[in-house]
Amino acid sequence: MPQWNATVEYDGTTSPEDAMTLAGRGDFVVVATDPQRDRTRISFGVTASTLRQATDDAWRQARTVTAGLINTSALSLRIITDHDLAAELERPTVPELVDTTGAREILDVRTHQRMSELEQRDDFPRPVAVVSGGRRIYTAASIKAFAKGWTRKSGRPPRAPRPEEAG
């Protein structure tokens, strides 16, 4: 029978003592609190033949595990197969980041001046952060996407004629 992972999110946070009690109430219960969002999540395993059965079993198990400790309604339920969860956990959660020097390498731009000109364009990606010294940080994916759509012009642009030459 397929294995599923269920995660139920509740409004409000639990005390560390209640979190320990929740974790001890099931075969494999993980409790996570997010004080910034004022949320509590519990995750646990479910064995069921179908997604519908896994959903029903997850609600039942969640009510049993949280009885007397979490007195708010559930905000969400997420059901995922153990196989898909394992694949999800293997993916990096932090995107690849580059600073201006890294962006220059991706774009094959040789000078700081040219990079500054590119950064002024409306279609150039916005930095995700600016760190000490004004150093800009970008996602590598956004710089690579820009590079694909960027029409590169080689050499210097033609010099504008001087007023005395225009005549």
C-alpha atoms as a PDB file:
ATOM      1  CA  MET A   1       0.000   0.000   0.000  1.00  0.00           C
ATOM      2  CA  PRO A   2       1.360   3.478  -0.846  1.00  0.00           C
ATOM      3  CA  GLN A   3       2.924   5.663   1.812  1.00  0.00           C
ATOM      4  CA  TRP A   4       1.891   9.318   2.005  1.00  0.00           C
ATOM      5  CA  ASN A   5       3.089  12.307   3.975  1.00  0.00           C
ATOM      6  CA  ALA A   6       0.457  14.618   5.450  1.00  0.00           C
ATOM      7  CA  THR A   7       1.086  18.154   6.692  1.00  0.00           C
ATOM      8  CA  VAL A   8      -1.639  20.086   8.489  1.00  0.00           C
ATOM      9  CA  GLU A   9      -1.203  23.779   9.262  1.00  0.00           C
ATOM     10  CA  TYR A  10      -3.005  25.469  12.153  1.00  0.00           C
ATOM     11  CA  ASP A  11      -3.489  29.075  13.156  1.00  0.00           C
ATOM     12  CA  GLY A  12      -1.463  29.939  16.267  1.00  0.00           C
ATOM     13  CA  THR A  13       1.722  28.558  17.766  1.00  0.00           C
ATOM     14  CA  THR A  14       2.146  25.936  20.457  1.00  0.00           C
ATOM     15  CA  SER A  15       4.404  25.983  23.468  1.00  0.00           C
ATOM     16  CA  PRO A  16       7.578  23.877  23.360  1.00  0.00           C
ATOM     17  CA  GLU A  17       6.007  21.520  25.919  1.00  0.00           C
ATOM     18  CA  ASP A  18       2.873  21.042  23.799  1.00  0.00           C
ATOM     19  CA  ALA A  19       5.023  20.529  20.700  1.00  0.00           C
ATOM     20  CA  MET A  20       6.876  17.710  22.503  1.00  0.00           C
ATOM     21  CA  THR A  21       3.559  16.163  23.564  1.00  0.00           C
ATOM     22  CA  LEU A  22       2.253  16.361  19.977  1.00  0.00           C
ATOM     23  CA  ALA A  23       5.423  14.746  18.636  1.00  0.00           C
ATOM     24  CA  GLY A  24       4.995  11.837  21.051  1.00  0.00           C
ATOM     25  CA  ARG A  25       1.369  11.135  20.122  1.00  0.00           C
ATOM     26  CA  GLY A  26       1.951   9.419  16.793  1.00  0.00           C
ATOM     27  CA  ASP A  27       4.257   6.941  15.111  1.00  0.00           C
ATOM     28  CA  PHE A  28       6.148   9.672  13.326  1.00  0.00           C
ATOM     29  CA  VAL A  29       4.898  13.176  14.048  1.00  0.00           C
ATOM     30  CA  VAL A  30       7.007  16.237  13.316  1.00  0.00           C
ATOM     31  CA  VAL A  31       5.907  19.552  14.787  1.00  0.00           C
ATOM     32  CA  ALA A  32       7.103  22.914  13.465  1.00  0.00           C
ATOM     33  CA  THR A  33       6.085  26.304  14.794  1.00  0.00           C
ATOM     34  CA  ASP A  34       6.474  29.575  12.933  1.00  0.00           C
ATOM     35  CA  PRO A  35       6.115  32.449  15.413  1.00  0.00           C
ATOM     36  CA  GLN A  36       6.507  35.104  12.694  1.00  0.00           C
ATOM     37  CA  ARG A  37       3.438  33.802  10.856  1.00  0.00           C
ATOM     38  CA  ASP A  38       1.753  32.565  14.060  1.00  0.00           C
ATOM     39  CA  ARG A  39       1.369  29.050  12.652  1.00  0.00           C
ATOM     40  CA  THR A  40       1.915  25.461  13.779  1.00  0.00           C
ATOM     41  CA  ARG A  41       2.466  22.603  11.308  1.00  0.00           C
ATOM     42  CA  ILE A  42       2.325  18.920  12.067  1.00  0.00           C
ATOM     43  CA  SER A  43       3.554  16.319   9.604  1.00  0.00           C
ATOM     44  CA  PHE A  44       3.099  12.569   9.787  1.00  0.00           C
ATOM     45  CA  GLY A  45       2.936   9.450   7.668  1.00  0.00           C
ATOM     46  CA  VAL A  46      -0.243   7.830   6.342  1.00  0.00           C
ATOM     47  CA  THR A  47      -0.660   4.457   4.645  1.00  0.00           C
ATOM     48  CA  ALA A  48      -3.558   4.381   2.185  1.00  0.00           C
ATOM     49  CA  SER A  49      -4.512   2.974  -1.219  1.00  0.00           C
ATOM     50  CA  THR A  50      -5.783   6.226  -2.719  1.00  0.00           C
ATOM     51  CA  LEU A  51      -5.357   9.958  -2.287  1.00  0.00           C
ATOM     52  CA  ARG A  52      -8.952  10.206  -1.023  1.00  0.00           C
ATOM     53  CA  GLN A  53      -8.323   7.553   1.618  1.00  0.00           C
ATOM     54  CA  ALA A  54      -5.028   9.213   2.582  1.00  0.00           C
ATOM     55  CA  THR A  55      -6.863  12.540   2.988  1.00  0.00           C
ATOM     56  CA  ASP A  56      -9.587  11.043   5.194  1.00  0.00           C
ATOM     57  CA  ASP A  57      -7.030   9.146   7.295  1.00  0.00           C
ATOM     58  CA  ALA A  58      -4.874  12.277   7.636  1.00  0.00           C
ATOM     59  CA  TRP A  59      -7.786  14.342   8.965  1.00  0.00           C
ATOM     60  CA  ARG A  60      -8.652  11.579  11.446  1.00  0.00           C
ATOM     61  CA  GLN A  61      -5.053  11.231  12.617  1.00  0.00           C
ATOM     62  CA  ALA A  62      -4.621  15.006  12.885  1.00  0.00           C
ATOM     63  CA  ARG A  63      -7.703  15.299  15.119  1.00  0.00           C
ATOM     64  CA  THR A  64      -6.410  12.480  17.333  1.00  0.00           C
ATOM     65  CA  VAL A  65      -2.877  13.872  17.622  1.00  0.00           C
ATOM     66  CA  THR A  66      -3.955  17.464  18.332  1.00  0.00           C
ATOM     67  CA  ALA A  67      -6.875  16.716  20.699  1.00  0.00           C
ATOM     68  CA  GLY A  68      -6.716  19.043  23.692  1.00  0.00           C
ATOM     69  CA  LEU A  69      -3.535  20.777  22.514  1.00  0.00           C
ATOM     70  CA  ILE A  70      -4.502  22.687  19.386  1.00  0.00           C
ATOM     71  CA  ASN A  71      -7.944  24.212  19.657  1.00  0.00           C
ATOM     72  CA  THR A  72      -8.058  26.124  16.384  1.00  0.00           C
ATOM     73  CA  SER A  73      -9.313  24.992  13.010  1.00  0.00           C
ATOM     74  CA  ALA A  74      -6.898  23.627  10.473  1.00  0.00           C
ATOM     75  CA  LEU A  75      -5.948  26.110   7.758  1.00  0.00           C
ATOM     76  CA  SER A  76      -4.587  23.644   5.219  1.00  0.00           C
ATOM     77  CA  LEU A  77      -3.820  19.997   4.533  1.00  0.00           C
ATOM     78  CA  ARG A  78      -1.128  18.849   2.129  1.00  0.00           C
ATOM     79  CA  ILE A  79      -0.828  15.213   1.053  1.00  0.00           C
ATOM     80  CA  ILE A  80       2.170  14.021  -0.971  1.00  0.00           C
ATOM     81  CA  THR A  81       3.569  10.578  -1.687  1.00  0.00           C
ATOM     82  CA  ASP A  82       6.712   9.623   0.206  1.00  0.00           C
ATOM     83  CA  HIS A  83       8.480   9.232  -3.150  1.00  0.00           C
ATOM     84  CA  ASP A  84       7.568  12.777  -4.221  1.00  0.00           C
ATOM     85  CA  LEU A  85       8.473  14.137  -0.784  1.00  0.00           C
ATOM     86  CA  ALA A  86      11.931  12.523  -0.984  1.00  0.00           C
ATOM     87  CA  ALA A  87      12.482  14.077  -4.443  1.00  0.00           C
ATOM     88  CA  GLU A  88      11.300  17.459  -3.138  1.00  0.00           C
ATOM     89  CA  LEU A  89      13.685  17.324  -0.185  1.00  0.00           C
ATOM     90  CA  GLU A  90      16.649  16.584  -2.482  1.00  0.00           C
ATOM     91  CA  ARG A  91      16.107  19.786  -4.482  1.00  0.00           C
ATOM     92  CA  PRO A  92      18.046  22.788  -3.236  1.00  0.00           C
ATOM     93  CA  THR A  93      15.871  25.276  -1.379  1.00  0.00           C
ATOM     94  CA  VAL A  94      18.168  28.249  -1.874  1.00  0.00           C
ATOM     95  CA  PRO A  95      18.603  29.496  -5.429  1.00  0.00           C
ATOM     96  CA  GLU A  96      22.081  29.902  -6.854  1.00  0.00           C
ATOM     97  CA  LEU A  97      23.161  33.481  -6.178  1.00  0.00           C
ATOM     98  CA  VAL A  98      25.772  35.624  -7.904  1.00  0.00           C
ATOM     99  CA  ASP A  99      27.192  39.043  -7.219  1.00  0.00           C
ATOM    100  CA  THR A 100      27.995  41.583  -9.927  1.00  0.00           C
ATOM    101  CA  THR A 101      31.270  39.820 -10.719  1.00  0.00           C
ATOM    102  CA  GLY A 102      29.436  36.518 -11.198  1.00  0.00           C
ATOM    103  CA  ALA A 103      26.830  38.228 -13.366  1.00  0.00           C
ATOM    104  CA  ARG A 104      29.635  39.696 -15.504  1.00  0.00           C
ATOM    105  CA  GLU A 105      31.070  36.193 -15.990  1.00  0.00           C
ATOM    106  CA  ILE A 106      27.685  34.760 -17.027  1.00  0.00           C
ATOM    107  CA  LEU A 107      27.142  37.649 -19.460  1.00  0.00           C
ATOM    108  CA  ASP A 108      30.761  37.682 -20.647  1.00  0.00           C
ATOM    109  CA  VAL A 109      31.010  41.394 -19.864  1.00  0.00           C
ATOM    110  CA  ARG A 110      34.574  42.570 -19.428  1.00  0.00           C
ATOM    111  CA  THR A 111      34.282  45.953 -17.713  1.00  0.00           C
ATOM    112  CA  HIS A 112      32.576  47.305 -14.623  1.00  0.00           C
ATOM    113  CA  GLN A 113      31.375  50.245 -16.696  1.00  0.00           C
ATOM    114  CA  ARG A 114      29.531  48.029 -19.179  1.00  0.00           C
ATOM    115  CA  MET A 115      27.999  46.062 -16.317  1.00  0.00           C
ATOM    116  CA  SER A 116      26.787  49.311 -14.728  1.00  0.00           C
ATOM    117  CA  GLU A 117      25.211  50.289 -18.052  1.00  0.00           C
ATOM    118  CA  LEU A 118      23.388  46.957 -18.241  1.00  0.00           C
ATOM    119  CA  GLU A 119      22.146  47.305 -14.668  1.00  0.00           C
ATOM    120  CA  GLN A 120      20.483  50.603 -15.653  1.00  0.00           C
ATOM    121  CA  ARG A 121      18.336  48.920 -18.309  1.00  0.00           C
ATOM    122  CA  ASP A 122      14.643  48.471 -17.536  1.00  0.00           C
ATOM    123  CA  ASP A 123      14.754  44.821 -18.581  1.00  0.00           C
ATOM    124  CA  PHE A 124      17.771  43.936 -16.424  1.00  0.00           C
ATOM    125  CA  PRO A 125      16.891  41.809 -13.365  1.00  0.00           C
ATOM    126  CA  ARG A 126      16.552  43.564 -10.034  1.00  0.00           C
ATOM    127  CA  PRO A 127      18.937  42.413  -7.304  1.00  0.00           C
ATOM    128  CA  VAL A 128      17.479  40.173  -4.608  1.00  0.00           C
ATOM    129  CA  ALA A 129      19.732  41.848  -2.037  1.00  0.00           C
ATOM    130  CA  VAL A 130      22.228  44.650  -1.632  1.00  0.00           C
ATOM    131  CA  VAL A 131      24.940  43.812   0.882  1.00  0.00           C
ATOM    132  CA  SER A 132      27.793  45.720   2.487  1.00  0.00           C
ATOM    133  CA  GLY A 133      29.470  48.262   0.286  1.00  0.00           C
ATOM    134  CA  GLY A 134      26.485  48.381  -2.072  1.00  0.00           C
ATOM    135  CA  ARG A 135      27.342  44.998  -3.578  1.00  0.00           C
ATOM    136  CA  ARG A 136      24.329  43.718  -5.519  1.00  0.00           C
ATOM    137  CA  ILE A 137      23.256  40.068  -5.377  1.00  0.00           C
ATOM    138  CA  TYR A 138      21.195  38.429  -8.146  1.00  0.00           C
ATOM    139  CA  THR A 139      19.762  34.996  -8.751  1.00  0.00           C
ATOM    140  CA  ALA A 140      21.874  33.217 -11.345  1.00  0.00           C
ATOM    141  CA  ALA A 141      18.658  32.107 -13.076  1.00  0.00           C
ATOM    142  CA  SER A 142      17.525  35.717 -13.604  1.00  0.00           C
ATOM    143  CA  ILE A 143      20.897  36.690 -15.092  1.00  0.00           C
ATOM    144  CA  LYS A 144      20.882  33.628 -17.376  1.00  0.00           C
ATOM    145  CA  ALA A 145      17.318  34.455 -18.493  1.00  0.00           C
ATOM    146  CA  PHE A 146      18.399  38.021 -19.275  1.00  0.00           C
ATOM    147  CA  ALA A 147      21.375  36.697 -21.243  1.00  0.00           C
ATOM    148  CA  LYS A 148      19.077  34.590 -23.451  1.00  0.00           C
ATOM    149  CA  GLY A 149      16.965  37.589 -24.414  1.00  0.00           C
ATOM    150  CA  TRP A 150      19.763  40.135 -24.608  1.00  0.00           C
ATOM    151  CA  THR A 151      20.747  41.269 -28.092  1.00  0.00           C
ATOM    152  CA  ARG A 152      24.415  41.891 -27.686  1.00  0.00           C
ATOM    153  CA  LYS A 153      26.030  44.616 -29.763  1.00  0.00           C
ATOM    154  CA  SER A 154      29.743  44.315 -30.325  1.00  0.00           C
ATOM    155  CA  GLY A 155      32.097  47.247 -30.444  1.00  0.00           C
ATOM    156  CA  ARG A 156      31.460  50.857 -29.637  1.00  0.00           C
ATOM    157  CA  PRO A 157      28.390  52.653 -30.867  1.00  0.00           C
ATOM    158  CA  PRO A 158      29.035  55.097 -33.710  1.00  0.00           C
ATOM    159  CA  ARG A 159      30.153  58.530 -32.598  1.00  0.00           C
ATOM    160  CA  ALA A 160      27.563  61.268 -32.974  1.00  0.00           C
ATOM    161  CA  PRO A 161      28.668  63.899 -35.506  1.00  0.00           C
ATOM    162  CA  ARG A 162      29.987  67.152 -34.100  1.00  0.00           C
ATOM    163  CA  PRO A 163      27.874  70.218 -34.775  1.00  0.00           C
ATOM    164  CA  GLU A 164      30.424  71.590 -37.258  1.00  0.00           C
ATOM    165  CA  GLU A 165      30.433  68.228 -39.131  1.00  0.00           C
ATOM    166  CA  ALA A 166      26.666  67.989 -39.363  1.00  0.00           C
ATOM    167  CA  GLY A 167      26.348  70.887 -41.740  1.00  0.00           C
END
